[in-house]
Amino acid sequence: YAGLILTHLVSAYLFSLVIIVYVA
């Protein structure tokens, strides 16, 4: 997740929603 933030911040923001839905 830190690698994603250091790679592309917008993608990290968007994928955070995927993580929340995935866990839920």
PDB file of all heavy atoms in Angstrom:
ATOM      1  N   TYR A   1       0.840  -1.204   0.000  1.00  0.00           N
ATOM      2  CA  TYR A   1       0.000   0.000   0.000  1.00  0.00           C
ATOM      3  C   TYR A   1       0.877   1.256   0.000  1.00  0.00           C
ATOM      4  O   TYR A   1       0.575   2.231  -0.697  1.00  0.00           O
ATOM      5  CB  TYR A   1      -0.922   0.000   1.216  1.00  0.00           C
ATOM      6  CG  TYR A   1      -1.975   1.083   1.170  1.00  0.00           C
ATOM      7  CD1 TYR A   1      -3.041   1.007   0.275  1.00  0.00           C
ATOM      8  CD2 TYR A   1      -1.897   2.195   2.002  1.00  0.00           C
ATOM      9  CE1 TYR A   1      -4.004   2.003   0.227  1.00  0.00           C
ATOM     10  CE2 TYR A   1      -2.858   3.199   1.959  1.00  0.00           C
ATOM     11  CZ  TYR A   1      -3.899   3.096   1.069  1.00  0.00           C
ATOM     12  OH  TYR A   1      -4.848   4.084   1.008  1.00  0.00           O
ATOM     13  N   ALA A   2       1.971   1.216   0.748  1.00  0.00           N
ATOM     14  CA  ALA A   2       2.916   2.334   0.715  1.00  0.00           C
ATOM     15  C   ALA A   2       3.537   2.475  -0.670  1.00  0.00           C
ATOM     16  O   ALA A   2       3.740   3.591  -1.169  1.00  0.00           O
ATOM     17  CB  ALA A   2       4.007   2.134   1.760  1.00  0.00           C
ATOM     18  N   GLY A   3       3.821   1.329  -1.320  1.00  0.00           N
ATOM     19  CA  GLY A   3       4.353   1.366  -2.679  1.00  0.00           C
ATOM     20  C   GLY A   3       3.373   2.014  -3.644  1.00  0.00           C
ATOM     21  O   GLY A   3       3.776   2.775  -4.538  1.00  0.00           O
ATOM     22  N   LEU A   4       2.080   1.721  -3.474  1.00  0.00           N
ATOM     23  CA  LEU A   4       1.060   2.339  -4.325  1.00  0.00           C
ATOM     24  C   LEU A   4       1.007   3.845  -4.104  1.00  0.00           C
ATOM     25  O   LEU A   4       0.910   4.626  -5.057  1.00  0.00           O
ATOM     26  CB  LEU A   4      -0.302   1.706  -4.038  1.00  0.00           C
ATOM     27  CG  LEU A   4      -1.497   2.254  -4.826  1.00  0.00           C
ATOM     28  CD1 LEU A   4      -1.282   2.127  -6.329  1.00  0.00           C
ATOM     29  CD2 LEU A   4      -2.788   1.553  -4.402  1.00  0.00           C
ATOM     30  N   ILE A   5       1.085   4.280  -2.846  1.00  0.00           N
ATOM     31  CA  ILE A   5       1.083   5.713  -2.546  1.00  0.00           C
ATOM     32  C   ILE A   5       2.293   6.400  -3.173  1.00  0.00           C
ATOM     33  O   ILE A   5       2.190   7.485  -3.744  1.00  0.00           O
ATOM     34  CB  ILE A   5       1.059   5.935  -1.018  1.00  0.00           C
ATOM     35  CG1 ILE A   5      -0.279   5.483  -0.439  1.00  0.00           C
ATOM     36  CG2 ILE A   5       1.314   7.403  -0.677  1.00  0.00           C
ATOM     37  CD1 ILE A   5      -0.330   5.506   1.073  1.00  0.00           C
ATOM     38  N   LEU A   6       3.448   5.750  -3.088  1.00  0.00           N
ATOM     39  CA  LEU A   6       4.673   6.328  -3.643  1.00  0.00           C
ATOM     40  C   LEU A   6       4.734   6.232  -5.160  1.00  0.00           C
ATOM     41  O   LEU A   6       5.595   6.851  -5.786  1.00  0.00           O
ATOM     42  CB  LEU A   6       5.902   5.635  -3.041  1.00  0.00           C
ATOM     43  CG  LEU A   6       6.161   5.910  -1.558  1.00  0.00           C
ATOM     44  CD1 LEU A   6       7.297   5.041  -1.044  1.00  0.00           C
ATOM     45  CD2 LEU A   6       6.471   7.379  -1.333  1.00  0.00           C
ATOM     46  N   THR A   7       3.815   5.433  -5.740  1.00  0.00           N
ATOM     47  CA  THR A   7       3.782   5.297  -7.197  1.00  0.00           C
ATOM     48  C   THR A   7       2.805   6.266  -7.828  1.00  0.00           C
ATOM     49  O   THR A   7       3.135   6.980  -8.770  1.00  0.00           O
ATOM     50  CB  THR A   7       3.401   3.850  -7.589  1.00  0.00           C
ATOM     51  OG1 THR A   7       4.369   2.957  -7.041  1.00  0.00           O
ATOM     52  CG2 THR A   7       3.351   3.692  -9.100  1.00  0.00           C
ATOM     53  N   HIS A   8       1.568   6.279  -7.311  1.00  0.00           N
ATOM     54  CA  HIS A   8       0.540   7.133  -7.910  1.00  0.00           C
ATOM     55  C   HIS A   8      -0.520   7.418  -6.854  1.00  0.00           C
ATOM     56  O   HIS A   8      -1.317   6.541  -6.508  1.00  0.00           O
ATOM     57  CB  HIS A   8      -0.081   6.451  -9.125  1.00  0.00           C
ATOM     58  CG  HIS A   8      -0.836   7.386 -10.010  1.00  0.00           C
ATOM     59  ND1 HIS A   8      -2.198   7.309 -10.183  1.00  0.00           N
ATOM     60  CD2 HIS A   8      -0.427   8.436 -10.771  1.00  0.00           C
ATOM     61  CE1 HIS A   8      -2.598   8.249 -11.018  1.00  0.00           C
ATOM     62  NE2 HIS A   8      -1.538   8.955 -11.387  1.00  0.00           N
ATOM     63  N   LEU A   9      -0.530   8.620  -6.344  1.00  0.00           N
ATOM     64  CA  LEU A   9      -1.365   8.970  -5.203  1.00  0.00           C
ATOM     65  C   LEU A   9      -2.854   8.869  -5.517  1.00  0.00           C
ATOM     66  O   LEU A   9      -3.648   8.395  -4.696  1.00  0.00           O
ATOM     67  CB  LEU A   9      -1.022  10.379  -4.725  1.00  0.00           C
ATOM     68  CG  LEU A   9      -1.546  10.796  -3.347  1.00  0.00           C
ATOM     69  CD1 LEU A   9      -1.074   9.825  -2.281  1.00  0.00           C
ATOM     70  CD2 LEU A   9      -1.084  12.214  -3.018  1.00  0.00           C
ATOM     71  N   VAL A  10      -3.273   9.310  -6.698  1.00  0.00           N
ATOM     72  CA  VAL A  10      -4.694   9.249  -7.062  1.00  0.00           C
ATOM     73  C   VAL A  10      -5.179   7.805  -7.095  1.00  0.00           C
ATOM     74  O   VAL A  10      -6.284   7.488  -6.622  1.00  0.00           O
ATOM     75  CB  VAL A  10      -4.930   9.943  -8.419  1.00  0.00           C
ATOM     76  CG1 VAL A  10      -6.369   9.752  -8.871  1.00  0.00           C
ATOM     77  CG2 VAL A  10      -4.583  11.427  -8.328  1.00  0.00           C
ATOM     78  N   SER A  11      -4.367   6.907  -7.643  1.00  0.00           N
ATOM     79  CA  SER A  11      -4.731   5.488  -7.670  1.00  0.00           C
ATOM     80  C   SER A  11      -4.870   4.934  -6.254  1.00  0.00           C
ATOM     81  O   SER A  11      -5.734   4.095  -5.987  1.00  0.00           O
ATOM     82  CB  SER A  11      -3.679   4.683  -8.436  1.00  0.00           C
ATOM     83  OG  SER A  11      -3.638   5.057  -9.794  1.00  0.00           O
ATOM     84  N   ALA A  12      -4.022   5.403  -5.348  1.00  0.00           N
ATOM     85  CA  ALA A  12      -4.115   4.956  -3.952  1.00  0.00           C
ATOM     86  C   ALA A  12      -5.429   5.406  -3.321  1.00  0.00           C
ATOM     87  O   ALA A  12      -6.081   4.637  -2.596  1.00  0.00           O
ATOM     88  CB  ALA A  12      -2.932   5.496  -3.153  1.00  0.00           C
ATOM     89  N   TYR A  13      -5.829   6.638  -3.589  1.00  0.00           N
ATOM     90  CA  TYR A  13      -7.112   7.122  -3.075  1.00  0.00           C
ATOM     91  C   TYR A  13      -8.262   6.273  -3.610  1.00  0.00           C
ATOM     92  O   TYR A  13      -9.152   5.842  -2.854  1.00  0.00           O
ATOM     93  CB  TYR A  13      -7.339   8.576  -3.486  1.00  0.00           C
ATOM     94  CG  TYR A  13      -6.492   9.577  -2.731  1.00  0.00           C
ATOM     95  CD1 TYR A  13      -6.007  10.718  -3.367  1.00  0.00           C
ATOM     96  CD2 TYR A  13      -6.192   9.402  -1.384  1.00  0.00           C
ATOM     97  CE1 TYR A  13      -5.223  11.647  -2.683  1.00  0.00           C
ATOM     98  CE2 TYR A  13      -5.427  10.319  -0.692  1.00  0.00           C
ATOM     99  CZ  TYR A  13      -4.943  11.442  -1.349  1.00  0.00           C
ATOM    100  OH  TYR A  13      -4.183  12.350  -0.671  1.00  0.00           O
ATOM    101  N   LEU A  14      -8.264   6.031  -4.912  1.00  0.00           N
ATOM    102  CA  LEU A  14      -9.350   5.283  -5.537  1.00  0.00           C
ATOM    103  C   LEU A  14      -9.366   3.831  -5.075  1.00  0.00           C
ATOM    104  O   LEU A  14     -10.429   3.259  -4.808  1.00  0.00           O
ATOM    105  CB  LEU A  14      -9.225   5.354  -7.059  1.00  0.00           C
ATOM    106  CG  LEU A  14      -9.405   6.740  -7.686  1.00  0.00           C
ATOM    107  CD1 LEU A  14      -9.111   6.693  -9.186  1.00  0.00           C
ATOM    108  CD2 LEU A  14     -10.819   7.258  -7.446  1.00  0.00           C
ATOM    109  N   PHE A  15      -8.193   3.227  -4.968  1.00  0.00           N
ATOM    110  CA  PHE A  15      -8.146   1.805  -4.607  1.00  0.00           C
ATOM    111  C   PHE A  15      -8.475   1.592  -3.141  1.00  0.00           C
ATOM    112  O   PHE A  15      -8.856   0.473  -2.747  1.00  0.00           O
ATOM    113  CB  PHE A  15      -6.767   1.217  -4.934  1.00  0.00           C
ATOM    114  CG  PHE A  15      -6.758  -0.277  -5.041  1.00  0.00           C
ATOM    115  CD1 PHE A  15      -7.386  -0.909  -6.107  1.00  0.00           C
ATOM    116  CD2 PHE A  15      -6.152  -1.057  -4.074  1.00  0.00           C
ATOM    117  CE1 PHE A  15      -7.402  -2.286  -6.213  1.00  0.00           C
ATOM    118  CE2 PHE A  15      -6.159  -2.434  -4.161  1.00  0.00           C
ATOM    119  CZ  PHE A  15      -6.784  -3.056  -5.236  1.00  0.00           C
ATOM    120  N   SER A  16      -8.344   2.618  -2.340  1.00  0.00           N
ATOM    121  CA  SER A  16      -8.745   2.503  -0.931  1.00  0.00           C
ATOM    122  C   SER A  16     -10.222   2.137  -0.818  1.00  0.00           C
ATOM    123  O   SER A  16     -10.627   1.387   0.077  1.00  0.00           O
ATOM    124  CB  SER A  16      -8.469   3.810  -0.193  1.00  0.00           C
ATOM    125  OG  SER A  16      -7.089   4.101  -0.162  1.00  0.00           O
ATOM    126  N   LEU A  17     -11.037   2.658  -1.726  1.00  0.00           N
ATOM    127  CA  LEU A  17     -12.465   2.303  -1.735  1.00  0.00           C
ATOM    128  C   LEU A  17     -12.645   0.827  -2.080  1.00  0.00           C
ATOM    129  O   LEU A  17     -13.517   0.153  -1.510  1.00  0.00           O
ATOM    130  CB  LEU A  17     -13.213   3.184  -2.741  1.00  0.00           C
ATOM    131  CG  LEU A  17     -13.191   4.686  -2.470  1.00  0.00           C
ATOM    132  CD1 LEU A  17     -13.872   5.439  -3.601  1.00  0.00           C
ATOM    133  CD2 LEU A  17     -13.859   5.000  -1.132  1.00  0.00           C
ATOM    134  N   VAL A  18     -11.831   0.322  -2.999  1.00  0.00           N
ATOM    135  CA  VAL A  18     -11.888  -1.100  -3.349  1.00  0.00           C
ATOM    136  C   VAL A  18     -11.534  -1.957  -2.137  1.00  0.00           C
ATOM    137  O   VAL A  18     -12.171  -2.985  -1.870  1.00  0.00           O
ATOM    138  CB  VAL A  18     -10.930  -1.400  -4.518  1.00  0.00           C
ATOM    139  CG1 VAL A  18     -10.900  -2.896  -4.826  1.00  0.00           C
ATOM    140  CG2 VAL A  18     -11.335  -0.614  -5.761  1.00  0.00           C
ATOM    141  N   ILE A  19     -10.524  -1.541  -1.393  1.00  0.00           N
ATOM    142  CA  ILE A  19     -10.110  -2.284  -0.200  1.00  0.00           C
ATOM    143  C   ILE A  19     -11.256  -2.341   0.815  1.00  0.00           C
ATOM    144  O   ILE A  19     -11.542  -3.400   1.390  1.00  0.00           O
ATOM    145  CB  ILE A  19      -8.864  -1.633   0.428  1.00  0.00           C
ATOM    146  CG1 ILE A  19      -7.668  -1.781  -0.512  1.00  0.00           C
ATOM    147  CG2 ILE A  19      -8.557  -2.260   1.784  1.00  0.00           C
ATOM    148  CD1 ILE A  19      -6.429  -1.041  -0.051  1.00  0.00           C
ATOM    149  N   ILE A  20     -11.918  -1.212   1.030  1.00  0.00           N
ATOM    150  CA  ILE A  20     -13.022  -1.162   1.995  1.00  0.00           C
ATOM    151  C   ILE A  20     -14.154  -2.093   1.565  1.00  0.00           C
ATOM    152  O   ILE A  20     -14.690  -2.866   2.368  1.00  0.00           O
ATOM    153  CB  ILE A  20     -13.533   0.282   2.144  1.00  0.00           C
ATOM    154  CG1 ILE A  20     -12.454   1.157   2.797  1.00  0.00           C
ATOM    155  CG2 ILE A  20     -14.816   0.327   2.959  1.00  0.00           C
ATOM    156  CD1 ILE A  20     -12.784   2.634   2.802  1.00  0.00           C
ATOM    157  N   VAL A  21     -14.531  -2.047   0.284  1.00  0.00           N
ATOM    158  CA  VAL A  21     -15.597  -2.910  -0.228  1.00  0.00           C
ATOM    159  C   VAL A  21     -15.188  -4.377  -0.153  1.00  0.00           C
ATOM    160  O   VAL A  21     -15.994  -5.249   0.200  1.00  0.00           O
ATOM    161  CB  VAL A  21     -15.948  -2.510  -1.678  1.00  0.00           C
ATOM    162  CG1 VAL A  21     -16.912  -3.515  -2.291  1.00  0.00           C
ATOM    163  CG2 VAL A  21     -16.550  -1.111  -1.710  1.00  0.00           C
ATOM    164  N   TYR A  22     -13.939  -4.662  -0.471  1.00  0.00           N
ATOM    165  CA  TYR A  22     -13.414  -6.030  -0.448  1.00  0.00           C
ATOM    166  C   TYR A  22     -13.504  -6.619   0.959  1.00  0.00           C
ATOM    167  O   TYR A  22     -13.961  -7.748   1.151  1.00  0.00           O
ATOM    168  CB  TYR A  22     -11.968  -6.003  -0.932  1.00  0.00           C
ATOM    169  CG  TYR A  22     -11.367  -7.353  -1.256  1.00  0.00           C
ATOM    170  CD1 TYR A  22     -11.564  -7.943  -2.497  1.00  0.00           C
ATOM    171  CD2 TYR A  22     -10.572  -8.019  -0.326  1.00  0.00           C
ATOM    172  CE1 TYR A  22     -10.992  -9.167  -2.806  1.00  0.00           C
ATOM    173  CE2 TYR A  22     -10.004  -9.242  -0.619  1.00  0.00           C
ATOM    174  CZ  TYR A  22     -10.214  -9.811  -1.867  1.00  0.00           C
ATOM    175  OH  TYR A  22      -9.652 -11.031  -2.159  1.00  0.00           O
ATOM    176  N   VAL A  23     -13.063  -5.837   1.947  1.00  0.00           N
ATOM    177  CA  VAL A  23     -13.117  -6.299   3.340  1.00  0.00           C
ATOM    178  C   VAL A  23     -14.564  -6.463   3.790  1.00  0.00           C
ATOM    179  O   VAL A  23     -14.919  -7.463   4.431  1.00  0.00           O
ATOM    180  CB  VAL A  23     -12.366  -5.313   4.257  1.00  0.00           C
ATOM    181  CG1 VAL A  23     -12.596  -5.674   5.723  1.00  0.00           C
ATOM    182  CG2 VAL A  23     -10.879  -5.309   3.945  1.00  0.00           C
ATOM    183  N   ALA A  24     -15.414  -5.495   3.462  1.00  0.00           N
ATOM    184  CA  ALA A  24     -16.816  -5.561   3.865  1.00  0.00           C
ATOM    185  C   ALA A  24     -17.504  -6.786   3.269  1.00  0.00           C
ATOM    186  O   ALA A  24     -18.309  -7.453   3.936  1.00  0.00           O
ATOM    187  CB  ALA A  24     -17.540  -4.291   3.439  1.00  0.00           C
TER     188      ALA A  24
END
